Amino acid sequence: MLDSKALQSIPLVPANTADPAPDYPWPKPYTSAMFLSFDVDAESAWTSKDAGHAQRLITMSYGGYEARVGTPKLLELLGQLDLKATFFVTGWSVDAHPAMAESILKAGHEIGHHGYHHLLPDPGDPWIEEELERGFEALKRRLGVKPTGYRAPYGEFTEELRVALVRHGIVYTSSFRDDVRPYRHRLGDGKPGTIELPVTASYDDWMHGLSARFSPRSIFPKEHVLSMWKDELDEVRDWGAMVTTVLHPQCSGRPMRLRLLREFLTYAKSCPDVWITTGENIVENFLRHEAGNR
């Protein structure tokens, strides 16, 4: 339970002091956008909770499904729909499953940074810098890629991480849940930070569809999730804003969830006003307008 001293230490300022998201137009003929993105954690989704899971082979098999079935099936689907996406991949997944990582790159998709061991960033953690460096090193060594985008494991952030990402040359992040349009972070010292492509919480498939050993949540049926996803997209289209997906091959690569995703993406593609694209393309659009407004 929090004591009075802890409560008094909470700053009386917003946690995020960035300016409101600018209302930059999307490339013609589009008037709204979808940042189509996937998080490839493989077994690191489980070992990051407890390193002892590495010896629990059935637990590990949930993550192993990504390389064996989930990622190939998703790449096949994206190819059929002629869509490109951003895949945020942990360094551990690249080292453990190099053929899977190479197949993502070979299919023409963007690769983003997602930590190395998928460890939750917490204030004061001494390993934040090591997680970044090992992730960069694995992506460079295995794939020849220096990513410009980063998504935080577990969707958590600290000021130390925000500063470190700028220092390492990351251009954009996609983790915060506080907007419906891209914006630029402001660091604690007032300097500009990365561009943020905010996540749409309802498009996190882990919340609706993970068949997990340890999850207390039941799996939502297709009709429920599809209804939520369509309604969210349609309202965002009316706003002229953006949705961001957080899809996992060990969730959306399962047969029932793949069928759901196919139906949703087919619907999204039928909306001529929605720009379905990668993070790097959305950021390029943001930077062009930002430079023009200076």
Protein backbone atom coordinates (compact mmCIF):
# COMPACT_ATOMS: atom_id res chain seq x y z
CA MET A 1 0.00 0.00 0.00
CA LEU A 2 1.30 3.49 -0.83
CA ASP A 3 2.25 5.67 2.12
CA SER A 4 1.80 9.44 2.27
CA LYS A 5 5.47 10.12 1.53
CA ALA A 6 5.30 8.09 -1.68
CA LEU A 7 2.15 9.91 -2.76
CA GLN A 8 3.70 13.30 -2.05
CA SER A 9 6.64 12.41 -4.30
CA ILE A 10 4.39 12.13 -7.38
CA PRO A 11 5.16 15.16 -9.60
CA LEU A 12 2.26 17.54 -10.26
CA VAL A 13 2.97 17.56 -14.00
CA PRO A 14 1.84 15.32 -16.87
CA ALA A 15 3.94 12.19 -17.30
CA ASN A 16 4.21 13.08 -20.98
CA THR A 17 4.93 16.76 -21.65
CA ALA A 18 5.01 16.46 -25.46
CA ASP A 19 3.07 19.03 -27.45
CA PRO A 20 -0.31 17.92 -28.83
CA ALA A 21 -0.04 15.76 -31.92
CA PRO A 22 0.06 17.93 -35.06
CA ASP A 23 -2.74 17.43 -37.54
CA TYR A 24 -0.48 16.66 -40.49
CA PRO A 25 -2.34 15.34 -43.57
CA TRP A 26 -1.87 11.79 -44.78
CA PRO A 27 -0.58 11.20 -48.32
CA LYS A 28 -3.30 11.59 -50.93
CA PRO A 29 -5.78 10.00 -51.48
CA TYR A 30 -5.77 8.78 -47.85
CA THR A 31 -7.44 10.57 -44.94
CA SER A 32 -6.59 8.08 -42.16
CA ALA A 33 -3.91 5.49 -41.48
CA MET A 34 -3.16 2.07 -40.04
CA PHE A 35 0.30 1.30 -38.73
CA LEU A 36 0.37 -2.46 -39.31
CA SER A 37 2.86 -3.92 -36.87
CA PHE A 38 3.80 -7.21 -35.21
CA ASP A 39 5.85 -8.06 -32.11
CA VAL A 40 8.03 -11.15 -32.57
CA ASP A 41 8.99 -12.32 -29.09
CA ALA A 42 9.09 -16.11 -29.60
CA GLU A 43 10.21 -17.86 -26.39
CA SER A 44 11.60 -14.61 -24.94
CA ALA A 45 7.99 -13.62 -24.14
CA TRP A 46 8.10 -16.38 -21.52
CA THR A 47 11.72 -16.37 -20.31
CA SER A 48 11.49 -12.61 -19.67
CA LYS A 49 8.90 -13.41 -16.98
CA ASP A 50 10.98 -16.22 -15.46
CA ALA A 51 14.33 -17.46 -16.80
CA GLY A 52 13.40 -20.85 -15.34
CA HIS A 53 10.80 -21.21 -18.07
CA ALA A 54 13.68 -22.13 -20.39
CA GLN A 55 13.57 -25.59 -18.78
CA ARG A 56 9.76 -25.85 -18.99
CA LEU A 57 9.43 -27.17 -22.49
CA ILE A 58 5.66 -26.94 -22.90
CA THR A 59 5.69 -23.33 -21.72
CA MET A 60 8.47 -22.60 -24.20
CA SER A 61 6.50 -24.27 -26.98
CA TYR A 62 3.95 -21.44 -26.90
CA GLY A 63 6.70 -19.07 -28.06
CA GLY A 64 8.29 -21.65 -30.33
CA TYR A 65 5.08 -21.72 -32.36
CA GLU A 66 6.10 -18.35 -33.84
CA ALA A 67 9.05 -19.73 -35.79
CA ARG A 68 7.50 -23.09 -36.64
CA VAL A 69 4.06 -21.92 -37.81
CA GLY A 70 2.89 -18.44 -36.77
CA THR A 71 5.34 -16.18 -38.58
CA PRO A 72 5.32 -18.18 -41.86
CA LYS A 73 1.52 -18.12 -41.89
CA LEU A 74 1.40 -14.37 -41.25
CA LEU A 75 3.96 -13.69 -43.97
CA GLU A 76 1.87 -15.80 -46.34
CA LEU A 77 -1.25 -13.81 -45.45
CA LEU A 78 0.47 -10.45 -45.90
CA GLY A 79 1.78 -11.61 -49.27
CA GLN A 80 -1.71 -12.65 -50.37
CA LEU A 81 -3.09 -9.25 -49.37
CA ASP A 82 -0.11 -7.34 -50.83
CA LEU A 83 0.57 -5.58 -47.50
CA LYS A 84 3.84 -4.52 -45.89
CA ALA A 85 4.24 -4.31 -42.12
CA THR A 86 6.76 -3.55 -39.40
CA PHE A 87 8.01 -6.46 -37.28
CA PHE A 88 9.53 -5.53 -33.91
CA VAL A 89 11.81 -8.48 -33.14
CA THR A 90 13.70 -9.26 -29.94
CA GLY A 91 17.42 -9.89 -30.38
CA TRP A 92 17.04 -13.26 -28.68
CA SER A 93 14.46 -14.31 -31.28
CA VAL A 94 16.82 -13.29 -34.09
CA ASP A 95 19.69 -15.32 -32.57
CA ALA A 96 17.54 -18.34 -31.74
CA HIS A 97 15.51 -18.34 -34.97
CA PRO A 98 17.68 -16.72 -37.67
CA ALA A 99 15.78 -18.31 -40.56
CA MET A 100 12.50 -16.87 -39.27
CA ALA A 101 14.02 -13.39 -38.95
CA GLU A 102 15.58 -13.62 -42.40
CA SER A 103 12.24 -14.63 -43.92
CA ILE A 104 10.61 -11.44 -42.57
CA LEU A 105 13.31 -9.29 -44.13
CA LYS A 106 13.28 -11.25 -47.40
CA ALA A 107 9.52 -10.64 -47.71
CA GLY A 108 10.20 -6.88 -47.76
CA HIS A 109 8.95 -5.95 -44.29
CA GLU A 110 10.52 -3.43 -41.92
CA ILE A 111 12.45 -4.75 -38.91
CA GLY A 112 12.24 -2.83 -35.62
CA HIS A 113 14.05 -3.09 -32.27
CA HIS A 114 12.21 -4.85 -29.43
CA GLY A 115 14.94 -5.31 -26.83
CA TYR A 116 17.05 -8.44 -26.56
CA HIS A 117 15.50 -10.58 -23.81
CA HIS A 118 12.11 -8.75 -23.87
CA LEU A 119 12.75 -7.42 -20.36
CA LEU A 120 10.32 -4.90 -18.90
CA PRO A 121 12.03 -1.48 -18.61
CA ASP A 122 11.75 -0.17 -15.06
CA PRO A 123 13.16 3.09 -13.61
CA GLY A 124 16.75 2.62 -12.45
CA ASP A 125 17.25 -0.77 -14.09
CA PRO A 126 20.98 -1.17 -14.84
CA TRP A 127 20.41 -3.39 -17.87
CA ILE A 128 18.47 -0.95 -20.06
CA GLU A 129 21.60 0.06 -22.00
CA GLU A 130 22.74 -3.56 -22.37
CA GLU A 131 19.32 -4.63 -23.69
CA LEU A 132 19.49 -1.89 -26.33
CA GLU A 133 23.06 -2.63 -27.37
CA ARG A 134 22.58 -6.41 -27.58
CA GLY A 135 19.40 -5.93 -29.61
CA PHE A 136 21.18 -3.63 -32.08
CA GLU A 137 24.11 -6.03 -32.32
CA ALA A 138 21.93 -9.07 -33.04
CA LEU A 139 19.95 -7.29 -35.75
CA LYS A 140 23.13 -6.02 -37.39
CA ARG A 141 25.04 -9.31 -37.17
CA ARG A 142 22.23 -11.60 -38.31
CA LEU A 143 20.29 -9.36 -40.71
CA GLY A 144 22.55 -6.45 -41.59
CA VAL A 145 19.84 -4.10 -40.25
CA LYS A 146 20.18 -0.93 -38.18
CA PRO A 147 16.57 -0.29 -37.14
CA THR A 148 15.07 3.19 -36.92
CA GLY A 149 12.00 2.08 -34.94
CA TYR A 150 11.65 0.71 -31.41
CA ARG A 151 8.81 -0.81 -29.40
CA ALA A 152 9.27 -1.32 -25.67
CA PRO A 153 8.86 -4.83 -24.28
CA TYR A 154 5.66 -5.05 -22.23
CA GLY A 155 4.80 -1.58 -23.54
CA GLU A 156 6.61 0.13 -20.65
CA PHE A 157 8.96 3.14 -20.74
CA THR A 158 11.25 5.16 -18.53
CA GLU A 159 12.96 8.51 -18.99
CA GLU A 160 16.34 6.74 -19.06
CA LEU A 161 15.14 4.63 -21.96
CA ARG A 162 13.68 7.62 -23.79
CA VAL A 163 17.05 9.43 -23.60
CA ALA A 164 19.05 6.33 -24.53
CA LEU A 165 16.99 5.74 -27.68
CA VAL A 166 17.79 9.23 -28.98
CA ARG A 167 21.46 8.67 -28.21
CA HIS A 168 21.41 5.42 -30.21
CA GLY A 169 19.81 7.07 -33.23
CA ILE A 170 16.31 5.61 -32.98
CA VAL A 171 13.98 7.83 -35.04
CA TYR A 172 10.61 6.62 -33.82
CA THR A 173 9.01 4.64 -31.02
CA SER A 174 5.65 2.92 -30.78
CA SER A 175 4.66 2.14 -27.22
CA PHE A 176 2.59 4.94 -25.64
CA ARG A 177 -1.20 4.75 -25.44
CA ASP A 178 -2.01 8.45 -25.19
CA ASP A 179 -2.93 9.65 -28.68
CA VAL A 180 -4.41 8.76 -32.06
CA ARG A 181 -1.89 10.60 -34.22
CA PRO A 182 1.92 10.67 -34.38
CA TYR A 183 3.72 13.26 -32.24
CA ARG A 184 7.25 14.08 -31.10
CA HIS A 185 8.40 13.28 -27.58
CA ARG A 186 9.94 15.92 -25.33
CA LEU A 187 12.75 14.69 -23.08
CA GLY A 188 13.03 15.63 -19.44
CA ASP A 189 15.58 18.34 -20.23
CA GLY A 190 13.27 19.88 -22.85
CA LYS A 191 15.14 18.56 -25.90
CA PRO A 192 13.20 16.83 -28.71
CA GLY A 193 12.90 13.06 -28.48
CA THR A 194 11.77 10.38 -30.88
CA ILE A 195 8.58 10.50 -32.93
CA GLU A 196 5.86 8.43 -31.27
CA LEU A 197 3.44 6.27 -33.26
CA PRO A 198 0.95 5.60 -30.45
CA VAL A 199 -0.41 2.11 -29.92
CA THR A 200 -4.14 1.40 -30.12
CA ALA A 201 -4.78 -0.70 -27.02
CA SER A 202 -7.75 -2.58 -28.49
CA TYR A 203 -5.55 -3.86 -31.35
CA ASP A 204 -3.27 -5.82 -29.01
CA ASP A 205 -4.16 -9.42 -29.84
CA TRP A 206 -2.55 -10.71 -26.63
CA MET A 207 -5.46 -9.13 -24.74
CA HIS A 208 -8.11 -11.00 -26.74
CA GLY A 209 -6.69 -14.18 -28.15
CA LEU A 210 -3.74 -15.77 -26.37
CA SER A 211 -4.25 -19.41 -25.54
CA ALA A 212 -1.87 -19.32 -22.58
CA ARG A 213 -0.96 -21.68 -19.77
CA PHE A 214 -0.99 -18.90 -17.21
CA SER A 215 -3.57 -16.42 -18.50
CA PRO A 216 -6.77 -16.00 -16.46
CA ARG A 217 -8.51 -14.52 -19.50
CA SER A 218 -10.71 -16.56 -21.78
CA ILE A 219 -10.22 -16.33 -25.54
CA PHE A 220 -12.60 -13.88 -27.17
CA PRO A 221 -14.56 -15.28 -30.15
CA LYS A 222 -13.92 -13.89 -33.61
CA GLU A 223 -17.25 -12.05 -33.76
CA HIS A 224 -16.46 -10.03 -30.63
CA VAL A 225 -12.94 -9.02 -31.65
CA LEU A 226 -13.86 -8.30 -35.28
CA SER A 227 -16.70 -6.06 -34.12
CA MET A 228 -14.36 -4.11 -31.82
CA TRP A 229 -11.68 -3.76 -34.46
CA LYS A 230 -14.09 -2.60 -37.18
CA ASP A 231 -15.78 -0.07 -34.88
CA GLU A 232 -12.43 1.32 -33.76
CA LEU A 233 -11.21 1.67 -37.32
CA ASP A 234 -14.42 3.26 -38.58
CA GLU A 235 -14.45 5.89 -35.82
CA VAL A 236 -10.76 6.65 -36.36
CA ARG A 237 -11.48 7.07 -40.07
CA ASP A 238 -14.09 9.69 -39.17
CA TRP A 239 -11.48 11.45 -37.02
CA GLY A 240 -8.84 11.36 -39.79
CA ALA A 241 -6.50 9.69 -37.32
CA MET A 242 -4.44 6.47 -37.04
CA VAL A 243 -4.71 3.01 -35.53
CA THR A 244 -1.68 0.93 -34.57
CA THR A 245 -1.78 -2.85 -34.27
CA VAL A 246 0.26 -4.91 -31.80
CA LEU A 247 -0.04 -8.42 -33.20
CA HIS A 248 1.97 -11.47 -32.11
CA PRO A 249 2.65 -14.54 -34.28
CA GLN A 250 2.02 -16.78 -31.26
CA CYS A 251 -1.48 -15.28 -31.03
CA SER A 252 -2.57 -14.14 -34.49
CA GLY A 253 -0.68 -16.95 -36.17
CA ARG A 254 -3.03 -19.53 -34.61
CA PRO A 255 -5.68 -20.85 -37.03
CA MET A 256 -8.75 -19.17 -35.53
CA ARG A 257 -6.95 -15.85 -35.01
CA LEU A 258 -5.42 -15.91 -38.50
CA ARG A 259 -8.90 -16.26 -39.96
CA LEU A 260 -9.99 -13.25 -37.86
CA LEU A 261 -7.00 -11.20 -39.01
CA ARG A 262 -7.57 -12.10 -42.65
CA GLU A 263 -11.18 -10.93 -42.41
CA PHE A 264 -10.23 -7.70 -40.64
CA LEU A 265 -7.39 -6.77 -43.00
CA THR A 266 -9.59 -7.55 -46.00
CA TYR A 267 -12.17 -5.15 -44.57
CA ALA A 268 -9.51 -2.50 -43.90
CA LYS A 269 -8.22 -2.83 -47.47
CA SER A 270 -11.75 -2.23 -48.74
CA CYS A 271 -11.69 1.22 -47.12
CA PRO A 272 -10.09 3.44 -49.79
CA ASP A 273 -9.37 6.22 -47.29
CA VAL A 274 -7.14 4.06 -45.02
CA TRP A 275 -3.38 4.07 -45.62
CA ILE A 276 -2.14 0.66 -44.39
CA THR A 277 1.61 0.88 -44.11
CA THR A 278 4.83 0.54 -42.11
CA GLY A 279 6.19 2.69 -39.32
CA GLU A 280 9.02 4.05 -41.45
CA ASN A 281 6.56 5.29 -44.08
CA ILE A 282 4.37 7.04 -41.51
CA VAL A 283 7.43 8.65 -39.95
CA GLU A 284 8.67 9.81 -43.35
CA ASN A 285 5.34 11.56 -43.86
CA PHE A 286 5.57 13.15 -40.38
CA LEU A 287 9.14 14.38 -40.93
CA ARG A 288 8.29 15.91 -44.30
CA HIS A 289 5.48 17.97 -42.81
CA GLU A 290 7.45 18.80 -39.68
CA ALA A 291 10.31 20.18 -41.79
CA GLY A 292 7.88 22.17 -43.91
CA ASN A 293 6.34 23.81 -40.84
CA ARG A 294 9.56 25.02 -39.28
